[in-house]
Amino acid sequence: METEFEFELPRGYVDKNGEVHRRGTMRLATAADEILPLRDPRVQQNAGYLTIILLSRVITRLGTLSSINTKVIEGMFTMDLAYLQDLYQRINTTDLPSYKVVCPHCNQEIEVPLDFLLS
C-alpha cells in the first residue's frame, strides 16, 4: 500500500533566502492528524486554519527545507495551497463504491460507479 505521494507545486514556496521549493512528499493522514488540530485555539477561532495545520502535519518533505510547519504553509501562494488541499483530498478519500448492473440493451454486466448513479 502506498502511504507517501510525491508532488510538485505549481508556483513553489519561497523561503526567507529567496530559494523556491517545489518538489515534496505528502503522507496519508491518520485519525490523529484530523482530530488533534481541532483542539488548537487557532482552529477554534478560525475553522479555516484547520487546513493549515493538517497540511503542516502530512507534508513530510518540501524541497530542501529542514521542517514543515504552519508558518511554511501560511507563506504559500494560494494556488499552491489549493493544489495541496486537492492532493490531500484525493489521496485520503477512498474509491467510490461501484455496482454491477446488466445493460438492458446488450445484456452485458458492467460496473457503474456510485457517483454516476446519483447524478
N, C-alpha and C. Protein backbone atom coordinates (compact mmCIF):
# COMPACT_ATOMS: atom_id res chain seq x y z
N MET A 1 0.84 -1.18 0.00
CA MET A 1 0.00 0.00 0.00
C MET A 1 0.89 1.25 0.00
N GLU A 2 0.57 2.17 -0.86
CA GLU A 2 1.34 3.41 -0.95
C GLU A 2 0.86 4.37 0.14
N THR A 3 1.79 4.90 0.93
CA THR A 3 1.43 5.82 2.01
C THR A 3 2.04 7.20 1.83
N GLU A 4 2.97 7.37 0.90
CA GLU A 4 3.58 8.67 0.63
C GLU A 4 3.46 8.98 -0.86
N PHE A 5 3.19 10.24 -1.15
CA PHE A 5 2.94 10.66 -2.52
C PHE A 5 3.77 11.90 -2.83
N GLU A 6 4.52 11.83 -3.92
CA GLU A 6 5.35 12.96 -4.33
C GLU A 6 4.49 13.97 -5.08
N PHE A 7 4.87 15.23 -4.99
CA PHE A 7 4.15 16.28 -5.69
C PHE A 7 5.12 17.36 -6.13
N GLU A 8 4.63 18.22 -7.03
CA GLU A 8 5.37 19.40 -7.45
C GLU A 8 4.40 20.57 -7.45
N LEU A 9 4.69 21.57 -6.65
CA LEU A 9 3.82 22.73 -6.54
C LEU A 9 3.82 23.53 -7.84
N PRO A 10 2.67 24.11 -8.19
CA PRO A 10 2.60 24.93 -9.41
C PRO A 10 3.53 26.15 -9.37
N ARG A 11 3.60 26.83 -8.25
CA ARG A 11 4.44 28.02 -8.11
C ARG A 11 5.68 27.75 -7.26
N GLY A 12 5.47 27.18 -6.10
CA GLY A 12 6.56 26.88 -5.20
C GLY A 12 6.61 27.82 -4.00
N TYR A 13 7.10 27.29 -2.91
CA TYR A 13 7.25 28.07 -1.68
C TYR A 13 8.58 28.80 -1.73
N VAL A 14 8.56 30.10 -1.47
CA VAL A 14 9.77 30.91 -1.50
C VAL A 14 10.20 31.15 -0.05
N ASP A 15 11.38 30.65 0.33
CA ASP A 15 11.84 30.81 1.72
C ASP A 15 12.44 32.20 1.93
N LYS A 16 12.89 32.47 3.14
CA LYS A 16 13.40 33.81 3.50
C LYS A 16 14.66 34.18 2.72
N ASN A 17 15.36 33.18 2.15
CA ASN A 17 16.56 33.45 1.35
C ASN A 17 16.25 33.58 -0.14
N GLY A 18 14.97 33.47 -0.50
CA GLY A 18 14.57 33.59 -1.89
C GLY A 18 14.63 32.29 -2.67
N GLU A 19 14.96 31.18 -2.00
CA GLU A 19 15.01 29.88 -2.67
C GLU A 19 13.59 29.35 -2.86
N VAL A 20 13.32 28.81 -4.05
CA VAL A 20 12.00 28.27 -4.36
C VAL A 20 12.01 26.76 -4.14
N HIS A 21 11.03 26.28 -3.39
CA HIS A 21 10.89 24.85 -3.09
C HIS A 21 9.59 24.36 -3.73
N ARG A 22 9.70 23.43 -4.67
CA ARG A 22 8.51 22.97 -5.40
C ARG A 22 8.21 21.49 -5.20
N ARG A 23 9.23 20.67 -5.12
CA ARG A 23 9.01 19.22 -5.01
C ARG A 23 8.91 18.81 -3.55
N GLY A 24 7.94 17.93 -3.30
CA GLY A 24 7.76 17.48 -1.92
C GLY A 24 7.08 16.13 -1.84
N THR A 25 6.77 15.75 -0.62
CA THR A 25 6.10 14.48 -0.35
C THR A 25 5.01 14.71 0.69
N MET A 26 3.86 14.09 0.44
CA MET A 26 2.76 14.12 1.40
C MET A 26 2.42 12.68 1.76
N ARG A 27 2.21 12.44 3.06
CA ARG A 27 1.82 11.10 3.50
C ARG A 27 0.32 11.06 3.74
N LEU A 28 -0.20 9.84 3.81
CA LEU A 28 -1.61 9.66 4.16
C LEU A 28 -1.86 10.22 5.56
N ALA A 29 -3.02 10.77 5.77
CA ALA A 29 -3.38 11.32 7.08
C ALA A 29 -3.83 10.19 8.01
N THR A 30 -3.58 10.41 9.29
CA THR A 30 -4.06 9.48 10.32
C THR A 30 -5.27 10.12 11.00
N ALA A 31 -5.93 9.35 11.83
CA ALA A 31 -7.05 9.89 12.61
C ALA A 31 -6.57 11.05 13.48
N ALA A 32 -5.39 10.90 14.08
CA ALA A 32 -4.84 11.97 14.93
C ALA A 32 -4.61 13.25 14.15
N ASP A 33 -4.19 13.13 12.88
CA ASP A 33 -3.96 14.30 12.06
C ASP A 33 -5.24 15.12 11.90
N GLU A 34 -6.38 14.46 11.86
CA GLU A 34 -7.64 15.16 11.66
C GLU A 34 -8.29 15.58 12.98
N ILE A 35 -8.01 14.86 14.05
CA ILE A 35 -8.67 15.13 15.34
C ILE A 35 -7.91 16.14 16.19
N LEU A 36 -6.61 15.95 16.35
CA LEU A 36 -5.83 16.79 17.26
C LEU A 36 -5.86 18.29 16.92
N PRO A 37 -5.82 18.68 15.65
CA PRO A 37 -5.87 20.11 15.35
C PRO A 37 -7.16 20.80 15.81
N LEU A 38 -8.22 20.04 16.00
CA LEU A 38 -9.48 20.64 16.43
C LEU A 38 -9.38 21.25 17.83
N ARG A 39 -8.39 20.81 18.59
CA ARG A 39 -8.15 21.36 19.93
C ARG A 39 -7.34 22.65 19.90
N ASP A 40 -6.71 22.93 18.77
CA ASP A 40 -5.83 24.09 18.65
C ASP A 40 -6.67 25.37 18.72
N PRO A 41 -6.27 26.35 19.55
CA PRO A 41 -7.03 27.59 19.67
C PRO A 41 -7.16 28.36 18.36
N ARG A 42 -6.16 28.22 17.47
CA ARG A 42 -6.24 28.92 16.17
C ARG A 42 -7.39 28.37 15.34
N VAL A 43 -7.63 27.07 15.45
CA VAL A 43 -8.74 26.45 14.71
C VAL A 43 -10.06 26.83 15.37
N GLN A 44 -10.08 26.88 16.69
CA GLN A 44 -11.31 27.25 17.39
C GLN A 44 -11.72 28.69 17.08
N GLN A 45 -10.75 29.56 16.84
CA GLN A 45 -11.04 30.95 16.48
C GLN A 45 -11.38 31.10 15.00
N ASN A 46 -10.78 30.25 14.16
CA ASN A 46 -10.98 30.34 12.72
C ASN A 46 -10.89 28.93 12.13
N ALA A 47 -12.05 28.36 11.80
CA ALA A 47 -12.09 26.98 11.30
C ALA A 47 -11.26 26.79 10.04
N GLY A 48 -11.06 27.84 9.27
CA GLY A 48 -10.25 27.75 8.06
C GLY A 48 -8.80 27.40 8.33
N TYR A 49 -8.35 27.63 9.57
CA TYR A 49 -6.97 27.35 9.92
C TYR A 49 -6.70 25.84 10.02
N LEU A 50 -7.75 25.05 10.09
CA LEU A 50 -7.60 23.59 10.15
C LEU A 50 -6.77 23.09 8.98
N THR A 51 -7.01 23.61 7.80
CA THR A 51 -6.25 23.20 6.60
C THR A 51 -4.76 23.46 6.78
N ILE A 52 -4.42 24.59 7.36
CA ILE A 52 -3.01 24.94 7.54
C ILE A 52 -2.33 23.91 8.45
N ILE A 53 -2.98 23.58 9.55
CA ILE A 53 -2.39 22.62 10.49
C ILE A 53 -2.34 21.22 9.88
N LEU A 54 -3.42 20.81 9.22
CA LEU A 54 -3.44 19.48 8.59
C LEU A 54 -2.29 19.32 7.61
N LEU A 55 -2.12 20.30 6.74
CA LEU A 55 -1.06 20.20 5.74
C LEU A 55 0.32 20.22 6.38
N SER A 56 0.49 20.99 7.44
CA SER A 56 1.80 21.02 8.10
C SER A 56 2.12 19.68 8.75
N ARG A 57 1.10 18.90 9.07
CA ARG A 57 1.31 17.59 9.68
C ARG A 57 1.61 16.49 8.64
N VAL A 58 1.00 16.59 7.46
CA VAL A 58 1.12 15.49 6.49
C VAL A 58 2.17 15.71 5.40
N ILE A 59 2.63 16.94 5.22
CA ILE A 59 3.70 17.17 4.25
C ILE A 59 5.01 16.82 4.94
N THR A 60 5.68 15.81 4.43
CA THR A 60 6.89 15.30 5.08
C THR A 60 8.17 15.88 4.50
N ARG A 61 8.07 16.43 3.29
CA ARG A 61 9.26 17.00 2.66
C ARG A 61 8.82 18.07 1.68
N LEU A 62 9.58 19.16 1.64
CA LEU A 62 9.36 20.21 0.65
C LEU A 62 10.72 20.81 0.31
N GLY A 63 11.19 20.48 -0.88
CA GLY A 63 12.50 20.96 -1.32
C GLY A 63 13.58 20.60 -0.31
N THR A 64 14.39 21.59 0.04
CA THR A 64 15.49 21.36 0.99
C THR A 64 15.17 21.87 2.38
N LEU A 65 13.90 22.21 2.64
CA LEU A 65 13.53 22.70 3.97
C LEU A 65 13.77 21.61 5.01
N SER A 66 14.26 22.03 6.17
CA SER A 66 14.54 21.04 7.22
C SER A 66 13.27 20.61 7.95
N SER A 67 12.24 21.45 7.96
CA SER A 67 10.97 21.07 8.59
C SER A 67 9.84 21.85 7.94
N ILE A 68 8.66 21.26 8.03
CA ILE A 68 7.45 21.89 7.51
C ILE A 68 6.59 22.22 8.72
N ASN A 69 6.24 23.49 8.87
CA ASN A 69 5.38 23.90 9.98
C ASN A 69 4.30 24.83 9.45
N THR A 70 3.47 25.33 10.35
CA THR A 70 2.35 26.17 9.93
C THR A 70 2.83 27.47 9.26
N LYS A 71 3.97 27.99 9.67
CA LYS A 71 4.49 29.22 9.05
C LYS A 71 4.82 28.99 7.57
N VAL A 72 5.35 27.80 7.26
CA VAL A 72 5.64 27.47 5.86
C VAL A 72 4.34 27.44 5.07
N ILE A 73 3.34 26.73 5.58
CA ILE A 73 2.06 26.61 4.86
C ILE A 73 1.41 27.99 4.71
N GLU A 74 1.46 28.80 5.77
CA GLU A 74 0.89 30.16 5.71
C GLU A 74 1.56 31.01 4.64
N GLY A 75 2.84 30.75 4.38
CA GLY A 75 3.60 31.55 3.42
C GLY A 75 3.47 31.10 1.98
N MET A 76 2.65 30.09 1.73
CA MET A 76 2.49 29.59 0.36
C MET A 76 1.54 30.46 -0.44
N PHE A 77 1.74 30.46 -1.74
CA PHE A 77 0.81 31.14 -2.64
C PHE A 77 -0.52 30.38 -2.63
N THR A 78 -1.61 31.09 -2.86
CA THR A 78 -2.93 30.45 -2.79
C THR A 78 -3.07 29.32 -3.81
N MET A 79 -2.45 29.46 -4.97
CA MET A 79 -2.51 28.41 -5.98
C MET A 79 -1.89 27.10 -5.45
N ASP A 80 -0.77 27.23 -4.74
CA ASP A 80 -0.11 26.06 -4.17
C ASP A 80 -0.93 25.47 -3.03
N LEU A 81 -1.53 26.32 -2.22
CA LEU A 81 -2.37 25.84 -1.13
C LEU A 81 -3.56 25.06 -1.70
N ALA A 82 -4.20 25.59 -2.73
CA ALA A 82 -5.33 24.90 -3.36
C ALA A 82 -4.88 23.56 -3.95
N TYR A 83 -3.71 23.54 -4.56
CA TYR A 83 -3.16 22.29 -5.11
C TYR A 83 -2.98 21.25 -4.01
N LEU A 84 -2.42 21.66 -2.87
CA LEU A 84 -2.17 20.73 -1.77
C LEU A 84 -3.47 20.27 -1.13
N GLN A 85 -4.46 21.14 -1.03
CA GLN A 85 -5.76 20.74 -0.50
C GLN A 85 -6.39 19.68 -1.39
N ASP A 86 -6.30 19.88 -2.69
CA ASP A 86 -6.84 18.90 -3.64
C ASP A 86 -6.10 17.57 -3.53
N LEU A 87 -4.78 17.63 -3.46
CA LEU A 87 -3.99 16.40 -3.32
C LEU A 87 -4.37 15.67 -2.03
N TYR A 88 -4.50 16.39 -0.94
CA TYR A 88 -4.89 15.80 0.35
C TYR A 88 -6.21 15.06 0.20
N GLN A 89 -7.18 15.69 -0.43
CA GLN A 89 -8.49 15.06 -0.62
C GLN A 89 -8.39 13.80 -1.48
N ARG A 90 -7.63 13.89 -2.55
CA ARG A 90 -7.52 12.75 -3.47
C ARG A 90 -6.85 11.55 -2.82
N ILE A 91 -5.78 11.77 -2.05
CA ILE A 91 -5.07 10.61 -1.50
C ILE A 91 -5.72 10.06 -0.24
N ASN A 92 -6.57 10.85 0.41
CA ASN A 92 -7.18 10.40 1.66
C ASN A 92 -8.64 9.99 1.52
N THR A 93 -9.18 10.09 0.32
CA THR A 93 -10.56 9.68 0.08
C THR A 93 -10.54 8.31 -0.57
N THR A 94 -11.35 7.42 -0.04
CA THR A 94 -11.42 6.08 -0.62
C THR A 94 -12.14 6.12 -1.95
N ASP A 95 -11.93 5.09 -2.73
CA ASP A 95 -12.62 4.99 -4.00
C ASP A 95 -14.12 4.88 -3.78
N LEU A 96 -14.86 5.46 -4.69
CA LEU A 96 -16.31 5.34 -4.61
C LEU A 96 -16.72 3.91 -4.89
N PRO A 97 -17.75 3.42 -4.19
CA PRO A 97 -18.22 2.07 -4.49
C PRO A 97 -18.86 2.03 -5.87
N SER A 98 -18.83 0.85 -6.45
CA SER A 98 -19.49 0.67 -7.74
C SER A 98 -20.42 -0.53 -7.65
N TYR A 99 -21.36 -0.56 -8.54
CA TYR A 99 -22.35 -1.63 -8.55
C TYR A 99 -22.31 -2.33 -9.90
N LYS A 100 -22.49 -3.65 -9.85
CA LYS A 100 -22.59 -4.41 -11.09
C LYS A 100 -24.04 -4.34 -11.55
N VAL A 101 -24.19 -3.94 -12.81
CA VAL A 101 -25.53 -3.85 -13.40
C VAL A 101 -25.49 -4.53 -14.76
N VAL A 102 -26.65 -4.87 -15.25
CA VAL A 102 -26.76 -5.51 -16.56
C VAL A 102 -27.33 -4.49 -17.53
N CYS A 103 -26.63 -4.31 -18.62
CA CYS A 103 -27.08 -3.38 -19.66
C CYS A 103 -28.38 -3.91 -20.26
N PRO A 104 -29.42 -3.07 -20.29
CA PRO A 104 -30.71 -3.54 -20.84
C PRO A 104 -30.67 -3.73 -22.36
N HIS A 105 -29.66 -3.18 -23.03
CA HIS A 105 -29.59 -3.28 -24.48
C HIS A 105 -28.80 -4.50 -24.95
N CYS A 106 -27.66 -4.78 -24.26
CA CYS A 106 -26.79 -5.86 -24.75
C CYS A 106 -26.67 -7.02 -23.75
N ASN A 107 -27.29 -6.90 -22.59
CA ASN A 107 -27.26 -7.93 -21.54
C ASN A 107 -25.87 -8.20 -20.98
N GLN A 108 -24.95 -7.28 -21.18
CA GLN A 108 -23.61 -7.43 -20.61
C GLN A 108 -23.57 -6.82 -19.22
N GLU A 109 -22.83 -7.51 -18.33
CA GLU A 109 -22.68 -6.98 -16.98
C GLU A 109 -21.56 -5.94 -16.97
N ILE A 110 -21.84 -4.77 -16.38
CA ILE A 110 -20.86 -3.71 -16.29
C ILE A 110 -20.85 -3.15 -14.87
N GLU A 111 -19.72 -2.49 -14.50
CA GLU A 111 -19.63 -1.84 -13.19
C GLU A 111 -19.89 -0.35 -13.38
N VAL A 112 -20.78 0.19 -12.55
CA VAL A 112 -21.13 1.60 -12.61
C VAL A 112 -20.78 2.24 -11.28
N PRO A 113 -19.96 3.32 -11.29
CA PRO A 113 -19.60 3.98 -10.03
C PRO A 113 -20.83 4.64 -9.39
N LEU A 114 -20.85 4.69 -8.07
CA LEU A 114 -21.96 5.26 -7.33
C LEU A 114 -22.24 6.69 -7.74
N ASP A 115 -21.21 7.49 -7.97
CA ASP A 115 -21.44 8.90 -8.33
C ASP A 115 -22.19 9.04 -9.64
N PHE A 116 -22.07 8.08 -10.56
CA PHE A 116 -22.82 8.11 -11.80
C PHE A 116 -24.29 7.85 -11.54
N LEU A 117 -24.56 6.93 -10.60
CA LEU A 117 -25.94 6.59 -10.28
C LEU A 117 -26.67 7.74 -9.60
N LEU A 118 -25.92 8.60 -8.88
CA LEU A 118 -26.54 9.71 -8.16
C LEU A 118 -26.76 10.93 -9.03
N SER A 119 -26.07 11.01 -10.18
CA SER A 119 -26.20 12.22 -10.99
C SER A 119 -27.38 12.18 -11.91
